[in-house]
Amino acid sequence: MADQRTQRDEALDVLRKVYPKGSTVYTILRQVSRSGATSQVTLMGVGDGPEGRAPLYFPHYAAAIITGYRQGSWEGHDTLVLPQFSSPDTIADYLGQVLYDDRNALHHRSI
């Protein structure tokens, strides 16, 4: 069926709503494994809203589908588990490339 949407299509729609072109991908580094082989990062997006009341989005599930990284949890926080040699900067670059065909379409800021 032509109207049947895939999980990937839905994830792309979610990420385009959370991260419009030119927006910022906020990340929080939660944990690095002892061996340094993996790290866990929380992703955030800030939506439109009145000053001081802007909604926060945590699109881990959609980002996991698109990036292929697995989801994790650290002290009750949802995370993406990044493999060795990946950094939060690379997530923003990769999402910009996949969503807008421009790796510089999204900005990154660590919190």
PDB file of N, CA and C in Angstrom:
ATOM      1  N   MET A   1       0.828  -1.186   0.000  1.00  0.00           N
ATOM      2  CA  MET A   1       0.000   0.000   0.000  1.00  0.00           C
ATOM      3  C   MET A   1       0.871   1.247   0.000  1.00  0.00           C
ATOM      4  N   ALA A   2       0.515   2.177  -0.830  1.00  0.00           N
ATOM      5  CA  ALA A   2       1.310   3.398  -0.977  1.00  0.00           C
ATOM      6  C   ALA A   2       1.190   4.323   0.229  1.00  0.00           C
ATOM      7  N   ASP A   3       0.059   4.281   0.938  1.00  0.00           N
ATOM      8  CA  ASP A   3      -0.132   5.201   2.053  1.00  0.00           C
ATOM      9  C   ASP A   3       0.409   4.660   3.369  1.00  0.00           C
ATOM     10  N   GLN A   4       0.930   3.474   3.354  1.00  0.00           N
ATOM     11  CA  GLN A   4       1.476   2.889   4.576  1.00  0.00           C
ATOM     12  C   GLN A   4       2.837   3.512   4.882  1.00  0.00           C
ATOM     13  N   ARG A   5       2.937   4.086   6.063  1.00  0.00           N
ATOM     14  CA  ARG A   5       4.169   4.773   6.456  1.00  0.00           C
ATOM     15  C   ARG A   5       5.051   3.828   7.258  1.00  0.00           C
ATOM     16  N   THR A   6       6.338   3.967   7.043  1.00  0.00           N
ATOM     17  CA  THR A   6       7.271   3.144   7.791  1.00  0.00           C
ATOM     18  C   THR A   6       7.648   3.845   9.094  1.00  0.00           C
ATOM     19  N   GLN A   7       8.232   3.094   9.974  1.00  0.00           N
ATOM     20  CA  GLN A   7       8.715   3.641  11.245  1.00  0.00           C
ATOM     21  C   GLN A   7       9.752   4.732  10.988  1.00  0.00           C
ATOM     22  N   ARG A   8      10.582   4.525   9.982  1.00  0.00           N
ATOM     23  CA  ARG A   8      11.608   5.516   9.641  1.00  0.00           C
ATOM     24  C   ARG A   8      10.979   6.825   9.160  1.00  0.00           C
ATOM     25  N   ASP A   9       9.934   6.737   8.331  1.00  0.00           N
ATOM     26  CA  ASP A   9       9.246   7.947   7.861  1.00  0.00           C
ATOM     27  C   ASP A   9       8.661   8.738   9.029  1.00  0.00           C
ATOM     28  N   GLU A  10       8.050   8.019   9.962  1.00  0.00           N
ATOM     29  CA  GLU A  10       7.466   8.679  11.130  1.00  0.00           C
ATOM     30  C   GLU A  10       8.554   9.302  11.995  1.00  0.00           C
ATOM     31  N   ALA A  11       9.676   8.624  12.144  1.00  0.00           N
ATOM     32  CA  ALA A  11      10.784   9.169  12.932  1.00  0.00           C
ATOM     33  C   ALA A  11      11.337  10.432  12.275  1.00  0.00           C
ATOM     34  N   LEU A  12      11.450  10.429  10.950  1.00  0.00           N
ATOM     35  CA  LEU A  12      11.918  11.627  10.237  1.00  0.00           C
ATOM     36  C   LEU A  12      10.966  12.801  10.460  1.00  0.00           C
ATOM     37  N   ASP A  13       9.661  12.538  10.419  1.00  0.00           N
ATOM     38  CA  ASP A  13       8.679  13.603  10.667  1.00  0.00           C
ATOM     39  C   ASP A  13       8.816  14.183  12.071  1.00  0.00           C
ATOM     40  N   VAL A  14       8.971  13.304  13.051  1.00  0.00           N
ATOM     41  CA  VAL A  14       9.138  13.754  14.438  1.00  0.00           C
ATOM     42  C   VAL A  14      10.378  14.632  14.564  1.00  0.00           C
ATOM     43  N   LEU A  15      11.489  14.165  14.010  1.00  0.00           N
ATOM     44  CA  LEU A  15      12.746  14.915  14.133  1.00  0.00           C
ATOM     45  C   LEU A  15      12.692  16.244  13.385  1.00  0.00           C
ATOM     46  N   ARG A  16      11.997  16.300  12.256  1.00  0.00           N
ATOM     47  CA  ARG A  16      11.867  17.573  11.534  1.00  0.00           C
ATOM     48  C   ARG A  16      11.029  18.576  12.319  1.00  0.00           C
ATOM     49  N   LYS A  17      10.062  18.083  13.088  1.00  0.00           N
ATOM     50  CA  LYS A  17       9.258  18.983  13.928  1.00  0.00           C
ATOM     51  C   LYS A  17      10.061  19.472  15.132  1.00  0.00           C
ATOM     52  N   VAL A  18      10.828  18.590  15.729  1.00  0.00           N
ATOM     53  CA  VAL A  18      11.624  18.951  16.909  1.00  0.00           C
ATOM     54  C   VAL A  18      12.810  19.825  16.517  1.00  0.00           C
ATOM     55  N   TYR A  19      13.431  19.506  15.374  1.00  0.00           N
ATOM     56  CA  TYR A  19      14.629  20.227  14.923  1.00  0.00           C
ATOM     57  C   TYR A  19      14.419  20.836  13.541  1.00  0.00           C
ATOM     58  N   PRO A  20      13.706  21.965  13.454  1.00  0.00           N
ATOM     59  CA  PRO A  20      13.603  22.629  12.149  1.00  0.00           C
ATOM     60  C   PRO A  20      14.980  23.102  11.698  1.00  0.00           C
ATOM     61  N   LYS A  21      15.144  23.311  10.407  1.00  0.00           N
ATOM     62  CA  LYS A  21      16.435  23.730   9.870  1.00  0.00           C
ATOM     63  C   LYS A  21      16.914  24.988  10.592  1.00  0.00           C
ATOM     64  N   GLY A  22      18.175  24.978  11.012  1.00  0.00           N
ATOM     65  CA  GLY A  22      18.769  26.108  11.724  1.00  0.00           C
ATOM     66  C   GLY A  22      18.610  26.047  13.232  1.00  0.00           C
ATOM     67  N   SER A  23      17.896  25.040  13.748  1.00  0.00           N
ATOM     68  CA  SER A  23      17.696  24.941  15.198  1.00  0.00           C
ATOM     69  C   SER A  23      18.899  24.267  15.853  1.00  0.00           C
ATOM     70  N   THR A  24      18.833  24.147  17.169  1.00  0.00           N
ATOM     71  CA  THR A  24      19.952  23.613  17.945  1.00  0.00           C
ATOM     72  C   THR A  24      19.586  22.273  18.562  1.00  0.00           C
ATOM     73  N   VAL A  25      20.500  21.326  18.431  1.00  0.00           N
ATOM     74  CA  VAL A  25      20.398  20.030  19.098  1.00  0.00           C
ATOM     75  C   VAL A  25      21.160  20.171  20.418  1.00  0.00           C
ATOM     76  N   TYR A  26      20.446  20.114  21.525  1.00  0.00           N
ATOM     77  CA  TYR A  26      21.075  20.199  22.843  1.00  0.00           C
ATOM     78  C   TYR A  26      21.371  18.787  23.333  1.00  0.00           C
ATOM     79  N   THR A  27      22.548  18.587  23.894  1.00  0.00           N
ATOM     80  CA  THR A  27      22.917  17.272  24.417  1.00  0.00           C
ATOM     81  C   THR A  27      23.476  17.406  25.826  1.00  0.00           C
ATOM     82  N   ILE A  28      23.260  16.355  26.595  1.00  0.00           N
ATOM     83  CA  ILE A  28      23.835  16.246  27.935  1.00  0.00           C
ATOM     84  C   ILE A  28      24.590  14.918  27.978  1.00  0.00           C
ATOM     85  N   LEU A  29      25.888  14.979  28.212  1.00  0.00           N
ATOM     86  CA  LEU A  29      26.679  13.758  28.353  1.00  0.00           C
ATOM     87  C   LEU A  29      26.396  13.188  29.735  1.00  0.00           C
ATOM     88  N   ARG A  30      25.793  12.018  29.774  1.00  0.00           N
ATOM     89  CA  ARG A  30      25.375  11.425  31.049  1.00  0.00           C
ATOM     90  C   ARG A  30      26.414  10.476  31.627  1.00  0.00           C
ATOM     91  N   GLN A  31      27.074   9.710  30.763  1.00  0.00           N
ATOM     92  CA  GLN A  31      27.972   8.686  31.289  1.00  0.00           C
ATOM     93  C   GLN A  31      28.902   8.213  30.184  1.00  0.00           C
ATOM     94  N   VAL A  32      30.146   7.930  30.558  1.00  0.00           N
ATOM     95  CA  VAL A  32      31.124   7.312  29.659  1.00  0.00           C
ATOM     96  C   VAL A  32      31.552   6.010  30.318  1.00  0.00           C
ATOM     97  N   SER A  33      31.567   4.940  29.544  1.00  0.00           N
ATOM     98  CA  SER A  33      31.948   3.647  30.116  1.00  0.00           C
ATOM     99  C   SER A  33      33.409   3.696  30.572  1.00  0.00           C
ATOM    100  N   ARG A  34      33.751   2.827  31.494  1.00  0.00           N
ATOM    101  CA  ARG A  34      35.125   2.793  32.021  1.00  0.00           C
ATOM    102  C   ARG A  34      36.149   2.567  30.916  1.00  0.00           C
ATOM    103  N   SER A  35      35.772   1.765  29.951  1.00  0.00           N
ATOM    104  CA  SER A  35      36.706   1.460  28.855  1.00  0.00           C
ATOM    105  C   SER A  35      36.732   2.577  27.810  1.00  0.00           C
ATOM    106  N   GLY A  36      35.739   3.457  27.865  1.00  0.00           N
ATOM    107  CA  GLY A  36      35.641   4.521  26.863  1.00  0.00           C
ATOM    108  C   GLY A  36      35.011   4.053  25.567  1.00  0.00           C
ATOM    109  N   ALA A  37      34.527   2.805  25.550  1.00  0.00           N
ATOM    110  CA  ALA A  37      33.965   2.248  24.324  1.00  0.00           C
ATOM    111  C   ALA A  37      32.599   2.828  23.995  1.00  0.00           C
ATOM    112  N   THR A  38      31.843   3.269  24.994  1.00  0.00           N
ATOM    113  CA  THR A  38      30.525   3.860  24.745  1.00  0.00           C
ATOM    114  C   THR A  38      30.319   5.060  25.658  1.00  0.00           C
ATOM    115  N   SER A  39      29.411   5.911  25.246  1.00  0.00           N
ATOM    116  CA  SER A  39      28.962   7.009  26.104  1.00  0.00           C
ATOM    117  C   SER A  39      27.456   7.132  25.948  1.00  0.00           C
ATOM    118  N   GLN A  40      26.826   7.685  26.960  1.00  0.00           N
ATOM    119  CA  GLN A  40      25.382   7.862  26.928  1.00  0.00           C
ATOM    120  C   GLN A  40      25.062   9.348  26.940  1.00  0.00           C
ATOM    121  N   VAL A  41      24.206   9.758  26.007  1.00  0.00           N
ATOM    122  CA  VAL A  41      23.899  11.163  25.796  1.00  0.00           C
ATOM    123  C   VAL A  41      22.387  11.354  25.776  1.00  0.00           C
ATOM    124  N   THR A  42      21.907  12.392  26.451  1.00  0.00           N
ATOM    125  CA  THR A  42      20.508  12.789  26.379  1.00  0.00           C
ATOM    126  C   THR A  42      20.372  13.857  25.311  1.00  0.00           C
ATOM    127  N   LEU A  43      19.391  13.699  24.422  1.00  0.00           N
ATOM    128  CA  LEU A  43      19.089  14.697  23.385  1.00  0.00           C
ATOM    129  C   LEU A  43      17.907  15.541  23.813  1.00  0.00           C
ATOM    130  N   MET A  44      17.968  16.831  23.490  1.00  0.00           N
ATOM    131  CA  MET A  44      16.850  17.725  23.773  1.00  0.00           C
ATOM    132  C   MET A  44      16.623  18.660  22.604  1.00  0.00           C
ATOM    133  N   GLY A  45      15.375  19.041  22.429  1.00  0.00           N
ATOM    134  CA  GLY A  45      15.004  20.081  21.485  1.00  0.00           C
ATOM    135  C   GLY A  45      14.068  21.036  22.197  1.00  0.00           C
ATOM    136  N   VAL A  46      14.145  22.308  21.870  1.00  0.00           N
ATOM    137  CA  VAL A  46      13.290  23.316  22.499  1.00  0.00           C
ATOM    138  C   VAL A  46      12.260  23.758  21.474  1.00  0.00           C
ATOM    139  N   GLY A  47      10.988  23.657  21.834  1.00  0.00           N
ATOM    140  CA  GLY A  47       9.907  24.036  20.931  1.00  0.00           C
ATOM    141  C   GLY A  47       9.547  25.505  21.060  1.00  0.00           C
ATOM    142  N   ASP A  48       8.585  25.927  20.259  1.00  0.00           N
ATOM    143  CA  ASP A  48       8.080  27.297  20.315  1.00  0.00           C
ATOM    144  C   ASP A  48       7.070  27.412  21.446  1.00  0.00           C
ATOM    145  N   GLY A  49       7.116  28.529  22.132  1.00  0.00           N
ATOM    146  CA  GLY A  49       6.186  28.782  23.210  1.00  0.00           C
ATOM    147  C   GLY A  49       6.474  30.128  23.829  1.00  0.00           C
ATOM    148  N   PRO A  50       5.596  30.583  24.714  1.00  0.00           N
ATOM    149  CA  PRO A  50       5.850  31.865  25.358  1.00  0.00           C
ATOM    150  C   PRO A  50       7.149  31.819  26.157  1.00  0.00           C
ATOM    151  N   GLU A  51       7.764  32.953  26.309  1.00  0.00           N
ATOM    152  CA  GLU A  51       9.043  33.027  27.011  1.00  0.00           C
ATOM    153  C   GLU A  51       8.938  32.380  28.384  1.00  0.00           C
ATOM    154  N   GLY A  52       9.888  31.544  28.680  1.00  0.00           N
ATOM    155  CA  GLY A  52       9.900  30.838  29.956  1.00  0.00           C
ATOM    156  C   GLY A  52       8.982  29.623  29.990  1.00  0.00           C
ATOM    157  N   ARG A  53       8.236  29.382  28.911  1.00  0.00           N
ATOM    158  CA  ARG A  53       7.294  28.264  28.881  1.00  0.00           C
ATOM    159  C   ARG A  53       7.467  27.398  27.638  1.00  0.00           C
ATOM    160  N   ALA A  54       8.597  27.499  26.981  1.00  0.00           N
ATOM    161  CA  ALA A  54       8.829  26.714  25.773  1.00  0.00           C
ATOM    162  C   ALA A  54       8.917  25.235  26.129  1.00  0.00           C
ATOM    163  N   PRO A  55       8.234  24.381  25.382  1.00  0.00           N
ATOM    164  CA  PRO A  55       8.279  22.953  25.680  1.00  0.00           C
ATOM    165  C   PRO A  55       9.632  22.346  25.307  1.00  0.00           C
ATOM    166  N   LEU A  56      10.032  21.354  26.076  1.00  0.00           N
ATOM    167  CA  LEU A  56      11.252  20.601  25.782  1.00  0.00           C
ATOM    168  C   LEU A  56      10.853  19.251  25.194  1.00  0.00           C
ATOM    169  N   TYR A  57      11.603  18.811  24.200  1.00  0.00           N
ATOM    170  CA  TYR A  57      11.363  17.522  23.568  1.00  0.00           C
ATOM    171  C   TYR A  57      12.592  16.647  23.740  1.00  0.00           C
ATOM    172  N   PHE A  58      12.351  15.371  23.946  1.00  0.00           N
ATOM    173  CA  PHE A  58      13.425  14.389  24.119  1.00  0.00           C
ATOM    174  C   PHE A  58      13.206  13.267  23.096  1.00  0.00           C
ATOM    175  N   PRO A  59      13.670  13.454  21.856  1.00  0.00           N
ATOM    176  CA  PRO A  59      13.324  12.537  20.756  1.00  0.00           C
ATOM    177  C   PRO A  59      14.254  11.329  20.630  1.00  0.00           C
ATOM    178  N   HIS A  60      14.501  10.627  21.720  1.00  0.00           N
ATOM    179  CA  HIS A  60      15.456   9.517  21.697  1.00  0.00           C
ATOM    180  C   HIS A  60      15.018   8.376  20.794  1.00  0.00           C
ATOM    181  N   TYR A  61      13.750   8.021  20.857  1.00  0.00           N
ATOM    182  CA  TYR A  61      13.272   6.889  20.066  1.00  0.00           C
ATOM    183  C   TYR A  61      13.436   7.169  18.576  1.00  0.00           C
ATOM    184  N   ALA A  62      13.001   8.353  18.146  1.00  0.00           N
ATOM    185  CA  ALA A  62      13.121   8.710  16.726  1.00  0.00           C
ATOM    186  C   ALA A  62      14.588   8.791  16.308  1.00  0.00           C
ATOM    187  N   ALA A  63      15.417   9.373  17.146  1.00  0.00           N
ATOM    188  CA  ALA A  63      16.847   9.489  16.822  1.00  0.00           C
ATOM    189  C   ALA A  63      17.509   8.114  16.768  1.00  0.00           C
ATOM    190  N   ALA A  64      17.088   7.197  17.624  1.00  0.00           N
ATOM    191  CA  ALA A  64      17.654   5.843  17.611  1.00  0.00           C
ATOM    192  C   ALA A  64      17.307   5.137  16.300  1.00  0.00           C
ATOM    193  N   ILE A  65      16.097   5.321  15.815  1.00  0.00           N
ATOM    194  CA  ILE A  65      15.695   4.704  14.556  1.00  0.00           C
ATOM    195  C   ILE A  65      16.538   5.247  13.404  1.00  0.00           C
ATOM    196  N   ILE A  66      16.744   6.558  13.379  1.00  0.00           N
ATOM    197  CA  ILE A  66      17.458   7.189  12.271  1.00  0.00           C
ATOM    198  C   ILE A  66      18.959   6.925  12.333  1.00  0.00           C
ATOM    199  N   THR A  67      19.552   7.025  13.513  1.00  0.00           N
ATOM    200  CA  THR A  67      21.008   6.880  13.627  1.00  0.00           C
ATOM    201  C   THR A  67      21.466   5.432  13.713  1.00  0.00           C
ATOM    202  N   GLY A  68      20.581   4.557  14.157  1.00  0.00           N
ATOM    203  CA  GLY A  68      20.972   3.168  14.375  1.00  0.00           C
ATOM    204  C   GLY A  68      21.606   2.942  15.737  1.00  0.00           C
ATOM    205  N   TYR A  69      21.757   4.003  16.542  1.00  0.00           N
ATOM    206  CA  TYR A  69      22.287   3.853  17.891  1.00  0.00           C
ATOM    207  C   TYR A  69      21.201   3.253  18.768  1.00  0.00           C
ATOM    208  N   ARG A  70      21.614   2.516  19.778  1.00  0.00           N
ATOM    209  CA  ARG A  70      20.610   1.933  20.660  1.00  0.00           C
ATOM    210  C   ARG A  70      20.214   2.929  21.745  1.00  0.00           C
ATOM    211  N   GLN A  71      19.021   2.706  22.277  1.00  0.00           N
ATOM    212  CA  GLN A  71      18.556   3.530  23.381  1.00  0.00           C
ATOM    213  C   GLN A  71      19.087   2.957  24.685  1.00  0.00           C
ATOM    214  N   GLY A  72      19.289   3.845  25.638  1.00  0.00           N
ATOM    215  CA  GLY A  72      19.743   3.419  26.942  1.00  0.00           C
ATOM    216  C   GLY A  72      19.023   4.203  28.017  1.00  0.00           C
ATOM    217  N   SER A  73      19.447   3.983  29.229  1.00  0.00           N
ATOM    218  CA  SER A  73      18.890   4.710  30.362  1.00  0.00           C
ATOM    219  C   SER A  73      20.009   4.895  31.371  1.00  0.00           C
ATOM    220  N   TRP A  74      20.079   6.065  31.944  1.00  0.00           N
ATOM    221  CA  TRP A  74      21.079   6.336  32.960  1.00  0.00           C
ATOM    222  C   TRP A  74      20.409   7.126  34.072  1.00  0.00           C
ATOM    223  N   GLU A  75      20.324   6.523  35.242  1.00  0.00           N
ATOM    224  CA  GLU A  75      19.706   7.126  36.429  1.00  0.00           C
ATOM    225  C   GLU A  75      18.343   7.741  36.107  1.00  0.00           C
ATOM    226  N   GLY A  76      17.531   6.990  35.364  1.00  0.00           N
ATOM    227  CA  GLY A  76      16.176   7.423  35.057  1.00  0.00           C
ATOM    228  C   GLY A  76      16.052   8.338  33.848  1.00  0.00           C
ATOM    229  N   HIS A  77      17.149   8.664  33.203  1.00  0.00           N
ATOM    230  CA  HIS A  77      17.114   9.520  32.017  1.00  0.00           C
ATOM    231  C   HIS A  77      17.251   8.669  30.766  1.00  0.00           C
ATOM    232  N   ASP A  78      16.403   8.917  29.770  1.00  0.00           N
ATOM    233  CA  ASP A  78      16.558   8.241  28.486  1.00  0.00           C
ATOM    234  C   ASP A  78      17.815   8.759  27.811  1.00  0.00           C
ATOM    235  N   THR A  79      18.513   7.880  27.143  1.00  0.00           N
ATOM    236  CA  THR A  79      19.755   8.268  26.475  1.00  0.00           C
ATOM    237  C   THR A  79      19.874   7.561  25.133  1.00  0.00           C
ATOM    238  N   LEU A  80      20.799   8.050  24.331  1.00  0.00           N
ATOM    239  CA  LEU A  80      21.306   7.317  23.178  1.00  0.00           C
ATOM    240  C   LEU A  80      22.682   6.807  23.569  1.00  0.00           C
ATOM    241  N   VAL A  81      22.974   5.578  23.230  1.00  0.00           N
ATOM    242  CA  VAL A  81      24.279   5.004  23.532  1.00  0.00           C
ATOM    243  C   VAL A  81      25.151   5.166  22.290  1.00  0.00           C
ATOM    244  N   LEU A  82      26.180   5.985  22.417  1.00  0.00           N
ATOM    245  CA  LEU A  82      27.063   6.273  21.289  1.00  0.00           C
ATOM    246  C   LEU A  82      28.245   5.327  21.301  1.00  0.00           C
ATOM    247  N   PRO A  83      28.624   4.817  20.141  1.00  0.00           N
ATOM    248  CA  PRO A  83      29.807   3.958  20.082  1.00  0.00           C
ATOM    249  C   PRO A  83      31.084   4.773  20.216  1.00  0.00           C
ATOM    250  N   GLN A  84      32.186   4.077  20.405  1.00  0.00           N
ATOM    251  CA  GLN A  84      33.489   4.720  20.541  1.00  0.00           C
ATOM    252  C   GLN A  84      33.760   5.612  19.328  1.00  0.00           C
ATOM    253  N   PHE A  85      34.408   6.728  19.579  1.00  0.00           N
ATOM    254  CA  PHE A  85      34.787   7.724  18.579  1.00  0.00           C
ATOM    255  C   PHE A  85      33.602   8.534  18.045  1.00  0.00           C
ATOM    256  N   SER A  86      32.408   8.366  18.625  1.00  0.00           N
ATOM    257  CA  SER A  86      31.275   9.228  18.274  1.00  0.00           C
ATOM    258  C   SER A  86      31.156  10.282  19.352  1.00  0.00           C
ATOM    259  N   SER A  87      30.745  11.459  18.948  1.00  0.00           N
ATOM    260  CA  SER A  87      30.566  12.535  19.917  1.00  0.00           C
ATOM    261  C   SER A  87      29.193  13.148  19.717  1.00  0.00           C
ATOM    262  N   PRO A  88      28.711  13.912  20.692  1.00  0.00           N
ATOM    263  CA  PRO A  88      27.433  14.596  20.514  1.00  0.00           C
ATOM    264  C   PRO A  88      27.419  15.507  19.283  1.00  0.00           C
ATOM    265  N   ASP A  89      28.558  16.081  18.926  1.00  0.00           N
ATOM    266  CA  ASP A  89      28.616  16.915  17.715  1.00  0.00           C
ATOM    267  C   ASP A  89      28.245  16.108  16.479  1.00  0.00           C
ATOM    268  N   THR A  90      28.703  14.870  16.427  1.00  0.00           N
ATOM    269  CA  THR A  90      28.436  14.059  15.243  1.00  0.00           C
ATOM    270  C   THR A  90      26.950  13.742  15.097  1.00  0.00           C
ATOM    271  N   ILE A  91      26.211  13.688  16.215  1.00  0.00           N
ATOM    272  CA  ILE A  91      24.767  13.450  16.138  1.00  0.00           C
ATOM    273  C   ILE A  91      24.094  14.601  15.412  1.00  0.00           C
ATOM    274  N   ALA A  92      24.426  15.831  15.790  1.00  0.00           N
ATOM    275  CA  ALA A  92      23.819  17.003  15.142  1.00  0.00           C
ATOM    276  C   ALA A  92      24.182  17.042  13.657  1.00  0.00           C
ATOM    277  N   ASP A  93      25.427  16.760  13.336  1.00  0.00           N
ATOM    278  CA  ASP A  93      25.840  16.735  11.927  1.00  0.00           C
ATOM    279  C   ASP A  93      25.090  15.663  11.147  1.00  0.00           C
ATOM    280  N   TYR A  94      24.994  14.484  11.733  1.00  0.00           N
ATOM    281  CA  TYR A  94      24.333  13.372  11.055  1.00  0.00           C
ATOM    282  C   TYR A  94      22.839  13.654  10.868  1.00  0.00           C
ATOM    283  N   LEU A  95      22.188  14.163  11.917  1.00  0.00           N
ATOM    284  CA  LEU A  95      20.763  14.481  11.789  1.00  0.00           C
ATOM    285  C   LEU A  95      20.534  15.556  10.735  1.00  0.00           C
ATOM    286  N   GLY A  96      21.392  16.570  10.697  1.00  0.00           N
ATOM    287  CA  GLY A  96      21.274  17.608   9.672  1.00  0.00           C
ATOM    288  C   GLY A  96      21.406  17.026   8.278  1.00  0.00           C
ATOM    289  N   GLN A  97      22.334  16.100   8.102  1.00  0.00           N
ATOM    290  CA  GLN A  97      22.535  15.467   6.789  1.00  0.00           C
ATOM    291  C   GLN A  97      21.318  14.644   6.384  1.00  0.00           C
ATOM    292  N   VAL A  98      20.794  13.855   7.310  1.00  0.00           N
ATOM    293  CA  VAL A  98      19.657  12.983   6.995  1.00  0.00           C
ATOM    294  C   VAL A  98      18.375  13.792   6.798  1.00  0.00           C
ATOM    295  N   LEU A  99      18.136  14.788   7.652  1.00  0.00           N
ATOM    296  CA  LEU A  99      16.882  15.537   7.591  1.00  0.00           C
ATOM    297  C   LEU A  99      16.852  16.562   6.471  1.00  0.00           C
ATOM    298  N   TYR A 100      17.980  17.234   6.231  1.00  0.00           N
ATOM    299  CA  TYR A 100      17.984  18.376   5.312  1.00  0.00           C
ATOM    300  C   TYR A 100      19.055  18.300   4.230  1.00  0.00           C
ATOM    301  N   ASP A 101      19.731  17.174   4.125  1.00  0.00           N
ATOM    302  CA  ASP A 101      20.789  16.981   3.132  1.00  0.00           C
ATOM    303  C   ASP A 101      21.881  18.047   3.257  1.00  0.00           C
ATOM    304  N   ASP A 102      22.133  18.464   4.492  1.00  0.00           N
ATOM    305  CA  ASP A 102      23.148  19.480   4.781  1.00  0.00           C
ATOM    306  C   ASP A 102      23.643  19.242   6.198  1.00  0.00           C
ATOM    307  N   ARG A 103      24.867  18.778   6.340  1.00  0.00           N
ATOM    308  CA  ARG A 103      25.353  18.444   7.683  1.00  0.00           C
ATOM    309  C   ARG A 103      25.503  19.662   8.585  1.00  0.00           C
ATOM    310  N   ASN A 104      25.453  20.870   8.025  1.00  0.00           N
ATOM    311  CA  ASN A 104      25.527  22.093   8.826  1.00  0.00           C
ATOM    312  C   ASN A 104      24.150  22.713   9.054  1.00  0.00           C
ATOM    313  N   ALA A 105      23.080  21.978   8.761  1.00  0.00           N
ATOM    314  CA  ALA A 105      21.720  22.512   8.890  1.00  0.00           C
ATOM    315  C   ALA A 105      21.300  22.693  10.353  1.00  0.00           C
ATOM    316  N   LEU A 106      21.889  21.912  11.256  1.00  0.00           N
ATOM    317  CA  LEU A 106      21.555  21.982  12.678  1.00  0.00           C
ATOM    318  C   LEU A 106      22.788  22.395  13.470  1.00  0.00           C
ATOM    319  N   HIS A 107      22.544  23.105  14.545  1.00  0.00           N
ATOM    320  CA  HIS A 107      23.634  23.519  15.439  1.00  0.00           C
ATOM    321  C   HIS A 107      23.661  22.550  16.615  1.00  0.00           C
ATOM    322  N   HIS A 108      24.751  22.571  17.360  1.00  0.00           N
ATOM    323  CA  HIS A 108      24.879  21.720  18.526  1.00  0.00           C
ATOM    324  C   HIS A 108      25.356  22.532  19.721  1.00  0.00           C
ATOM    325  N   ARG A 109      24.797  22.219  20.867  1.00  0.00           N
ATOM    326  CA  ARG A 109      25.266  22.825  22.106  1.00  0.00           C
ATOM    327  C   ARG A 109      25.190  21.787  23.216  1.00  0.00           C
ATOM    328  N   SER A 110      26.291  21.586  23.918  1.00  0.00           N
ATOM    329  CA  SER A 110      26.310  20.694  25.076  1.00  0.00           C
ATOM    330  C   SER A 110      25.884  21.467  26.305  1.00  0.00           C
ATOM    331  N   ILE A 111      25.115  20.814  27.129  1.00  0.00           N
ATOM    332  CA  ILE A 111      24.654  21.442  28.372  1.00  0.00           C
ATOM    333  C   ILE A 111      25.358  20.777  29.523  1.00  0.00           C
TER     334      ILE A 111
END
